[in-house]
């Protein structure tokens, strides 16, 4: 079944991504969450701590700790938010951005070579499929995060005997 083979290939890719992130974490002496933060910042350019925490499913305190650790390691810097001076944005430092680009360049080169073997129509088809798969994965991640938040809230809502009844 072709659909099963496609899902299997996407699953292999997701697992390989996790292994790559773990290897980069070991190489940089970071946690998996810290490398994931670097990846989100590399993609977005800059994020507020709240946006970064939302993407990583971290509490405000957890996000603050993560940003402090990355800042102390010289991987990120904080700047005034150009759209709202009351808040800050987090950006990768040029050194970690260059290191990340260098670390990913062999993979990017292989993907580019694979894409160059396709016709223009085939590349368009693959791009549309992968955009759709990414959209579905993001919706699923959002749904799981909402469900986890609701479950955590429900777990806290344990009925207690009335103190003053």
N, C-alpha and C. Protein backbone atom coordinates (compact mmCIF):
# COMPACT_ATOMS: atom_id res chain seq x y z
N UNK A 1 0.85 -1.19 0.00
CA UNK A 1 0.00 0.00 0.00
C UNK A 1 0.90 1.25 0.00
N UNK A 2 0.73 2.09 -0.99
CA UNK A 2 1.58 3.28 -1.15
C UNK A 2 1.44 4.25 0.01
N UNK A 3 0.24 4.46 0.52
CA UNK A 3 0.05 5.38 1.65
C UNK A 3 0.84 4.91 2.87
N UNK A 4 0.85 3.61 3.11
CA UNK A 4 1.61 3.06 4.23
C UNK A 4 3.11 3.29 4.03
N UNK A 5 3.58 3.11 2.80
CA UNK A 5 5.01 3.32 2.51
C UNK A 5 5.39 4.80 2.70
N UNK A 6 4.50 5.70 2.31
CA UNK A 6 4.76 7.14 2.49
C UNK A 6 4.82 7.47 3.98
N UNK A 7 3.84 6.97 4.75
CA UNK A 7 3.85 7.23 6.20
C UNK A 7 5.10 6.64 6.84
N UNK A 8 5.53 5.47 6.37
CA UNK A 8 6.73 4.84 6.91
C UNK A 8 7.97 5.69 6.62
N UNK A 9 8.07 6.24 5.43
CA UNK A 9 9.21 7.09 5.08
C UNK A 9 9.20 8.37 5.92
N UNK A 10 8.03 8.96 6.12
CA UNK A 10 7.93 10.16 6.96
C UNK A 10 8.31 9.85 8.41
N UNK A 11 7.92 8.67 8.88
CA UNK A 11 8.26 8.26 10.24
C UNK A 11 9.77 8.07 10.37
N UNK A 12 10.39 7.40 9.39
CA UNK A 12 11.84 7.24 9.40
C UNK A 12 12.53 8.60 9.43
N UNK A 13 12.02 9.56 8.66
CA UNK A 13 12.59 10.91 8.63
C UNK A 13 12.47 11.57 10.00
N UNK A 14 11.30 11.44 10.64
CA UNK A 14 11.10 12.04 11.97
C UNK A 14 12.06 11.42 12.99
N UNK A 15 12.22 10.11 12.94
CA UNK A 15 13.14 9.45 13.86
C UNK A 15 14.60 9.85 13.61
N UNK A 16 14.96 9.99 12.33
CA UNK A 16 16.32 10.44 12.01
C UNK A 16 16.54 11.87 12.50
N UNK A 17 15.51 12.72 12.39
CA UNK A 17 15.61 14.10 12.91
C UNK A 17 15.89 14.08 14.40
N UNK A 18 15.21 13.21 15.13
CA UNK A 18 15.42 13.12 16.58
C UNK A 18 16.84 12.65 16.88
N UNK A 19 17.35 11.70 16.11
CA UNK A 19 18.73 11.23 16.31
C UNK A 19 19.74 12.33 16.00
N UNK A 20 19.48 13.10 14.93
CA UNK A 20 20.36 14.22 14.58
C UNK A 20 20.38 15.25 15.71
N UNK A 21 19.20 15.56 16.24
CA UNK A 21 19.10 16.54 17.34
C UNK A 21 19.86 16.05 18.57
N UNK A 22 19.74 14.75 18.87
CA UNK A 22 20.44 14.18 20.02
C UNK A 22 21.96 14.26 19.82
N UNK A 23 22.42 13.99 18.59
CA UNK A 23 23.86 14.06 18.31
C UNK A 23 24.36 15.50 18.42
N UNK A 24 23.59 16.44 17.91
CA UNK A 24 23.97 17.85 18.02
C UNK A 24 23.99 18.29 19.49
N UNK A 25 23.04 17.80 20.26
CA UNK A 25 23.00 18.14 21.68
C UNK A 25 24.27 17.64 22.38
N UNK A 26 24.66 16.41 22.10
CA UNK A 26 25.89 15.87 22.70
C UNK A 26 27.10 16.70 22.28
N UNK A 27 27.15 17.03 21.00
CA UNK A 27 28.30 17.77 20.47
C UNK A 27 28.43 19.16 21.09
N UNK A 28 27.28 19.80 21.35
CA UNK A 28 27.30 21.16 21.91
C UNK A 28 27.18 21.18 23.43
N UNK A 29 26.94 20.02 24.04
CA UNK A 29 26.75 19.97 25.49
C UNK A 29 25.44 20.61 25.90
N UNK A 30 24.41 20.44 25.08
CA UNK A 30 23.09 21.00 25.35
C UNK A 30 22.08 19.89 25.57
N UNK A 31 20.92 20.26 26.08
CA UNK A 31 19.82 19.31 26.19
C UNK A 31 19.09 19.25 24.85
N UNK A 32 18.26 18.25 24.70
CA UNK A 32 17.44 18.12 23.49
C UNK A 32 16.56 19.35 23.32
N UNK A 33 15.97 19.84 24.41
CA UNK A 33 15.10 21.02 24.33
C UNK A 33 15.89 22.26 23.90
N UNK A 34 17.12 22.36 24.35
CA UNK A 34 17.94 23.51 23.97
C UNK A 34 18.28 23.48 22.48
N UNK A 35 18.58 22.29 21.95
CA UNK A 35 18.85 22.18 20.52
C UNK A 35 17.58 22.46 19.73
N UNK A 36 16.44 21.98 20.22
CA UNK A 36 15.18 22.26 19.55
C UNK A 36 14.90 23.76 19.55
N UNK A 37 15.25 24.46 20.63
CA UNK A 37 15.10 25.92 20.68
C UNK A 37 15.99 26.57 19.62
N UNK A 38 17.22 26.09 19.49
CA UNK A 38 18.13 26.62 18.47
C UNK A 38 17.52 26.40 17.08
N UNK A 39 16.92 25.23 16.85
CA UNK A 39 16.32 24.95 15.55
C UNK A 39 15.13 25.88 15.28
N UNK A 40 14.29 26.10 16.28
CA UNK A 40 13.15 27.01 16.10
C UNK A 40 13.63 28.42 15.82
N UNK A 41 14.66 28.87 16.53
CA UNK A 41 15.19 30.21 16.31
C UNK A 41 15.86 30.33 14.94
N UNK A 42 16.53 29.27 14.50
CA UNK A 42 17.15 29.29 13.17
C UNK A 42 16.07 29.44 12.10
N UNK A 43 14.95 28.80 12.29
CA UNK A 43 13.87 28.87 11.30
C UNK A 43 13.16 30.22 11.34
N UNK A 44 12.88 30.72 12.55
CA UNK A 44 12.09 31.94 12.68
C UNK A 44 12.93 33.21 12.59
N UNK A 45 14.20 33.13 12.92
CA UNK A 45 15.02 34.34 12.96
C UNK A 45 15.05 34.95 14.35
N UNK A 46 13.87 35.16 14.90
CA UNK A 46 13.74 35.65 16.27
C UNK A 46 12.37 35.28 16.79
N UNK A 47 12.29 35.08 18.10
CA UNK A 47 11.03 34.75 18.76
C UNK A 47 11.01 35.43 20.11
N UNK A 48 9.82 35.76 20.58
CA UNK A 48 9.72 36.22 21.96
C UNK A 48 9.90 34.99 22.85
N UNK A 49 10.28 35.18 24.10
CA UNK A 49 10.36 34.02 24.99
C UNK A 49 9.03 33.27 25.07
N UNK A 50 7.92 33.98 25.07
CA UNK A 50 6.61 33.32 25.12
C UNK A 50 6.36 32.46 23.90
N UNK A 51 6.71 32.96 22.72
CA UNK A 51 6.55 32.17 21.50
C UNK A 51 7.43 30.93 21.54
N UNK A 52 8.67 31.11 21.97
CA UNK A 52 9.60 29.99 22.05
C UNK A 52 9.10 28.95 23.05
N UNK A 53 8.66 29.40 24.21
CA UNK A 53 8.12 28.49 25.22
C UNK A 53 6.91 27.73 24.71
N UNK A 54 6.05 28.41 23.96
CA UNK A 54 4.88 27.75 23.39
C UNK A 54 5.27 26.65 22.42
N UNK A 55 6.25 26.92 21.57
CA UNK A 55 6.71 25.92 20.62
C UNK A 55 7.34 24.72 21.31
N UNK A 56 8.00 24.97 22.45
CA UNK A 56 8.69 23.91 23.18
C UNK A 56 7.82 23.27 24.26
N UNK A 57 6.61 23.81 24.46
CA UNK A 57 5.71 23.32 25.51
C UNK A 57 6.35 23.46 26.89
N UNK A 58 6.97 24.62 27.14
CA UNK A 58 7.59 24.89 28.42
C UNK A 58 6.80 25.96 29.17
N UNK A 59 6.87 25.91 30.47
CA UNK A 59 6.28 26.96 31.29
C UNK A 59 7.10 28.23 31.13
N UNK A 60 6.57 29.31 31.64
CA UNK A 60 7.29 30.58 31.59
C UNK A 60 8.64 30.46 32.31
N UNK A 61 8.63 29.84 33.48
CA UNK A 61 9.87 29.65 34.23
C UNK A 61 10.84 28.74 33.51
N UNK A 62 10.33 27.67 32.90
CA UNK A 62 11.18 26.76 32.15
C UNK A 62 11.82 27.44 30.94
N UNK A 63 11.02 28.29 30.28
CA UNK A 63 11.54 29.03 29.12
C UNK A 63 12.62 30.01 29.56
N UNK A 64 12.37 30.71 30.68
CA UNK A 64 13.36 31.66 31.19
C UNK A 64 14.68 30.95 31.49
N UNK A 65 14.60 29.80 32.15
CA UNK A 65 15.81 29.03 32.46
C UNK A 65 16.54 28.60 31.20
N UNK A 66 15.80 28.11 30.21
CA UNK A 66 16.39 27.66 28.97
C UNK A 66 17.09 28.82 28.26
N UNK A 67 16.42 29.97 28.16
CA UNK A 67 17.02 31.13 27.49
C UNK A 67 18.27 31.58 28.24
N UNK A 68 18.22 31.59 29.57
CA UNK A 68 19.41 31.97 30.36
C UNK A 68 20.58 31.02 30.09
N UNK A 69 20.30 29.71 30.04
CA UNK A 69 21.37 28.75 29.78
C UNK A 69 21.98 28.96 28.39
N UNK A 70 21.12 29.16 27.39
CA UNK A 70 21.61 29.37 26.04
C UNK A 70 22.38 30.69 25.93
N UNK A 71 21.92 31.69 26.67
CA UNK A 71 22.60 32.99 26.66
C UNK A 71 23.99 32.88 27.31
N UNK A 72 24.05 32.20 28.47
CA UNK A 72 25.34 32.00 29.15
C UNK A 72 26.32 31.22 28.28
N UNK A 73 25.81 30.28 27.48
CA UNK A 73 26.66 29.48 26.61
C UNK A 73 27.07 30.25 25.35
N UNK A 74 26.50 31.44 25.15
CA UNK A 74 26.84 32.25 23.99
C UNK A 74 26.10 31.87 22.72
N UNK A 75 24.97 31.15 22.87
CA UNK A 75 24.23 30.69 21.71
C UNK A 75 23.09 31.62 21.30
N UNK A 76 22.57 32.40 22.25
CA UNK A 76 21.48 33.33 21.93
C UNK A 76 21.77 34.68 22.58
N UNK A 77 21.08 35.68 22.06
CA UNK A 77 21.14 37.01 22.68
C UNK A 77 19.71 37.54 22.70
N UNK A 78 19.48 38.41 23.68
CA UNK A 78 18.16 39.05 23.80
C UNK A 78 18.25 40.49 23.34
N UNK A 79 17.18 40.94 22.70
CA UNK A 79 17.11 42.30 22.17
C UNK A 79 15.72 42.85 22.43
N UNK A 80 15.61 44.17 22.46
CA UNK A 80 14.29 44.79 22.60
C UNK A 80 13.44 44.38 21.40
N UNK A 81 12.19 44.08 21.66
CA UNK A 81 11.27 43.69 20.61
C UNK A 81 10.97 44.92 19.76
N UNK A 82 11.28 44.90 18.46
CA UNK A 82 11.05 46.08 17.63
C UNK A 82 9.56 46.42 17.47
N UNK A 83 8.69 45.44 17.72
CA UNK A 83 7.24 45.68 17.60
C UNK A 83 6.59 46.04 18.92
N UNK A 84 7.27 45.76 20.03
CA UNK A 84 6.72 46.05 21.36
C UNK A 84 7.89 46.21 22.32
N UNK A 85 8.28 47.43 22.59
CA UNK A 85 9.47 47.71 23.41
C UNK A 85 9.36 47.19 24.84
N UNK A 86 8.15 46.78 25.26
CA UNK A 86 8.00 46.25 26.62
C UNK A 86 8.48 44.82 26.73
N UNK A 87 8.70 44.17 25.59
CA UNK A 87 9.13 42.77 25.62
C UNK A 87 10.44 42.62 24.86
N UNK A 88 10.96 41.42 24.89
CA UNK A 88 12.24 41.12 24.24
C UNK A 88 12.04 40.05 23.18
N UNK A 89 13.01 39.95 22.29
CA UNK A 89 13.07 38.84 21.35
C UNK A 89 14.41 38.14 21.56
N UNK A 90 14.42 36.87 21.23
CA UNK A 90 15.62 36.04 21.36
C UNK A 90 16.08 35.70 19.95
N UNK A 91 17.39 35.84 19.73
CA UNK A 91 17.99 35.53 18.43
C UNK A 91 19.23 34.67 18.64
N UNK A 92 19.55 33.86 17.64
CA UNK A 92 20.80 33.12 17.68
C UNK A 92 21.97 34.09 17.53
N UNK A 93 23.07 33.78 18.16
CA UNK A 93 24.28 34.56 17.94
C UNK A 93 24.86 34.16 16.58
N UNK A 94 25.63 35.03 15.96
CA UNK A 94 26.23 34.66 14.66
C UNK A 94 27.07 33.39 14.74
N UNK A 95 27.76 33.18 15.87
CA UNK A 95 28.62 32.00 15.99
C UNK A 95 27.81 30.71 15.95
N UNK A 96 26.72 30.62 16.70
CA UNK A 96 25.93 29.38 16.70
C UNK A 96 25.16 29.23 15.40
N UNK A 97 24.73 30.34 14.80
CA UNK A 97 24.05 30.26 13.51
C UNK A 97 24.99 29.71 12.45
N UNK A 98 26.25 30.16 12.45
CA UNK A 98 27.23 29.65 11.49
C UNK A 98 27.54 28.18 11.78
N UNK A 99 27.66 27.82 13.06
CA UNK A 99 27.94 26.44 13.41
C UNK A 99 26.79 25.54 12.95
N UNK A 100 25.55 25.97 13.20
CA UNK A 100 24.39 25.17 12.80
C UNK A 100 24.33 25.02 11.29
N UNK A 101 24.58 26.11 10.56
CA UNK A 101 24.56 26.04 9.10
C UNK A 101 25.61 25.05 8.61
N UNK A 102 26.79 25.07 9.22
CA UNK A 102 27.86 24.15 8.85
C UNK A 102 27.48 22.70 9.18
N UNK A 103 26.86 22.50 10.35
CA UNK A 103 26.47 21.14 10.76
C UNK A 103 25.41 20.56 9.84
N UNK A 104 24.49 21.39 9.34
CA UNK A 104 23.39 20.92 8.51
C UNK A 104 23.72 20.92 7.02
N UNK A 105 24.81 21.56 6.60
CA UNK A 105 25.06 21.72 5.16
C UNK A 105 25.18 20.39 4.40
N UNK A 106 25.80 19.32 4.95
CA UNK A 106 25.82 18.07 4.18
C UNK A 106 24.41 17.52 3.92
N UNK A 107 23.54 17.62 4.92
CA UNK A 107 22.16 17.14 4.76
C UNK A 107 21.43 17.99 3.73
N UNK A 108 21.58 19.31 3.82
CA UNK A 108 20.92 20.22 2.88
C UNK A 108 21.41 19.93 1.46
N UNK A 109 22.69 19.70 1.31
CA UNK A 109 23.24 19.39 -0.02
C UNK A 109 22.64 18.11 -0.60
N UNK A 110 22.47 17.09 0.25
CA UNK A 110 21.85 15.84 -0.23
C UNK A 110 20.40 16.05 -0.64
N UNK A 111 19.66 16.82 0.16
CA UNK A 111 18.26 17.10 -0.18
C UNK A 111 18.19 17.88 -1.49
N UNK A 112 19.06 18.89 -1.64
CA UNK A 112 19.09 19.67 -2.88
C UNK A 112 19.41 18.80 -4.08
N UNK A 113 20.35 17.86 -3.91
CA UNK A 113 20.70 16.95 -5.01
C UNK A 113 19.51 16.06 -5.37
N UNK A 114 18.81 15.57 -4.37
CA UNK A 114 17.62 14.74 -4.65
C UNK A 114 16.56 15.56 -5.39
N UNK A 115 16.35 16.79 -4.94
CA UNK A 115 15.34 17.64 -5.58
C UNK A 115 15.74 17.96 -7.02
N UNK A 116 17.03 18.12 -7.28
CA UNK A 116 17.46 18.47 -8.64
C UNK A 116 17.23 17.33 -9.63
N UNK A 117 17.08 16.11 -9.12
CA UNK A 117 16.80 14.96 -9.99
C UNK A 117 15.35 14.92 -10.44
N UNK A 118 14.50 15.74 -9.83
CA UNK A 118 13.07 15.75 -10.16
C UNK A 118 12.79 16.82 -11.21
N UNK A 119 11.74 16.57 -11.98
CA UNK A 119 11.29 17.61 -12.92
C UNK A 119 10.63 18.74 -12.13
N UNK A 120 10.42 19.86 -12.79
CA UNK A 120 9.77 21.00 -12.13
C UNK A 120 8.39 20.60 -11.62
N UNK A 121 7.62 19.86 -12.39
CA UNK A 121 6.29 19.41 -11.96
C UNK A 121 6.39 18.48 -10.76
N UNK A 122 7.36 17.57 -10.79
CA UNK A 122 7.54 16.64 -9.66
C UNK A 122 7.93 17.40 -8.39
N UNK A 123 8.82 18.39 -8.52
CA UNK A 123 9.21 19.20 -7.35
C UNK A 123 8.00 19.93 -6.78
N UNK A 124 7.15 20.46 -7.65
CA UNK A 124 5.93 21.13 -7.19
C UNK A 124 5.02 20.18 -6.45
N UNK A 125 4.87 18.98 -6.97
CA UNK A 125 4.03 17.96 -6.33
C UNK A 125 4.59 17.56 -4.97
N UNK A 126 5.90 17.32 -4.89
CA UNK A 126 6.54 16.93 -3.63
C UNK A 126 6.40 18.07 -2.62
N UNK A 127 6.63 19.31 -3.08
CA UNK A 127 6.51 20.46 -2.17
C UNK A 127 5.10 20.57 -1.61
N UNK A 128 4.09 20.43 -2.48
CA UNK A 128 2.70 20.51 -2.01
C UNK A 128 2.39 19.39 -1.01
N UNK A 129 2.86 18.18 -1.30
CA UNK A 129 2.63 17.08 -0.37
C UNK A 129 3.32 17.33 0.97
N UNK A 130 4.58 17.73 0.93
CA UNK A 130 5.32 17.96 2.18
C UNK A 130 4.75 19.14 2.96
N UNK A 131 4.30 20.19 2.27
CA UNK A 131 3.63 21.30 2.96
C UNK A 131 2.37 20.80 3.66
N UNK A 132 1.60 19.97 2.97
CA UNK A 132 0.40 19.40 3.57
C UNK A 132 0.72 18.51 4.75
N UNK A 133 1.77 17.69 4.63
CA UNK A 133 2.18 16.82 5.73
C UNK A 133 2.65 17.65 6.92
N UNK A 134 3.40 18.72 6.65
CA UNK A 134 3.88 19.59 7.74
C UNK A 134 2.70 20.28 8.42
N UNK A 135 1.74 20.75 7.62
CA UNK A 135 0.54 21.39 8.19
C UNK A 135 -0.21 20.40 9.08
N UNK A 136 -0.37 19.17 8.60
CA UNK A 136 -1.07 18.15 9.39
C UNK A 136 -0.30 17.85 10.67
N UNK A 137 1.03 17.75 10.60
CA UNK A 137 1.84 17.48 11.78
C UNK A 137 1.72 18.62 12.79
N UNK A 138 1.72 19.87 12.31
CA UNK A 138 1.59 21.02 13.21
C UNK A 138 0.21 21.03 13.88
N UNK A 139 -0.84 20.74 13.10
CA UNK A 139 -2.19 20.67 13.69
C UNK A 139 -2.26 19.58 14.76
N UNK A 140 -1.64 18.43 14.47
CA UNK A 140 -1.65 17.31 15.41
C UNK A 140 -0.87 17.69 16.68
N UNK A 141 0.28 18.33 16.51
CA UNK A 141 1.06 18.78 17.67
C UNK A 141 0.26 19.77 18.51
N UNK A 142 -0.43 20.71 17.85
CA UNK A 142 -1.26 21.68 18.57
C UNK A 142 -2.38 20.98 19.34
N UNK A 143 -3.02 19.99 18.68
CA UNK A 143 -4.11 19.25 19.34
C UNK A 143 -3.59 18.48 20.55
N UNK A 144 -2.45 17.82 20.38
CA UNK A 144 -1.87 17.08 21.51
C UNK A 144 -1.51 18.01 22.66
N UNK A 145 -0.98 19.18 22.33
CA UNK A 145 -0.63 20.15 23.37
C UNK A 145 -1.87 20.63 24.11
N UNK A 146 -2.95 20.91 23.36
CA UNK A 146 -4.21 21.32 24.01
C UNK A 146 -4.75 20.20 24.90
N UNK A 147 -4.70 18.96 24.40
CA UNK A 147 -5.17 17.82 25.19
C UNK A 147 -4.33 17.65 26.46
N UNK A 148 -3.01 17.82 26.33
CA UNK A 148 -2.13 17.70 27.50
C UNK A 148 -2.44 18.80 28.51
N UNK A 149 -2.65 20.02 28.02
CA UNK A 149 -2.99 21.13 28.92
C UNK A 149 -4.31 20.86 29.64
N UNK A 150 -5.30 20.34 28.90
CA UNK A 150 -6.60 20.04 29.49
C UNK A 150 -6.47 18.91 30.52
N UNK A 151 -5.68 17.89 30.19
CA UNK A 151 -5.48 16.78 31.13
C UNK A 151 -4.79 17.26 32.40
N UNK A 152 -3.79 18.12 32.24
CA UNK A 152 -3.09 18.66 33.42
C UNK A 152 -4.05 19.47 34.28
N UNK A 153 -4.90 20.24 33.62
CA UNK A 153 -5.88 21.04 34.37
C UNK A 153 -6.87 20.14 35.09
N UNK A 154 -7.35 19.10 34.40
CA UNK A 154 -8.30 18.17 35.02
C UNK A 154 -7.67 17.44 36.20
N UNK A 155 -6.39 17.11 36.10
CA UNK A 155 -5.70 16.41 37.19
C UNK A 155 -5.60 17.29 38.43
N UNK A 156 -5.54 18.61 38.22
CA UNK A 156 -5.47 19.53 39.35
C UNK A 156 -6.84 19.77 39.98
N UNK A 157 -7.88 19.47 39.22
CA UNK A 157 -9.24 19.74 39.69
C UNK A 157 -9.79 18.54 40.47
N UNK A 158 -9.05 18.08 41.46
CA UNK A 158 -9.47 16.95 42.28
C UNK A 158 -10.46 17.47 43.32
N UNK A 159 -11.64 16.87 43.40
CA UNK A 159 -12.60 17.35 44.38
C UNK A 159 -12.10 17.10 45.80
N UNK A 160 -12.18 18.11 46.61
CA UNK A 160 -11.78 18.02 48.01
C UNK A 160 -13.02 18.12 48.88
N UNK A 161 -13.01 17.50 50.03
CA UNK A 161 -14.17 17.65 50.91
C UNK A 161 -14.33 19.11 51.32
N UNK A 162 -15.53 19.52 51.44
CA UNK A 162 -15.79 20.91 51.83
C UNK A 162 -15.25 21.14 53.25
N UNK A 163 -14.46 22.18 53.38
CA UNK A 163 -13.86 22.48 54.68
C UNK A 163 -14.89 23.07 55.65
N UNK A 164 -15.83 23.80 55.15
CA UNK A 164 -16.75 24.55 56.02
C UNK A 164 -18.18 24.07 55.89
N UNK A 165 -18.40 22.86 55.35
CA UNK A 165 -19.78 22.39 55.18
C UNK A 165 -20.36 21.88 56.47
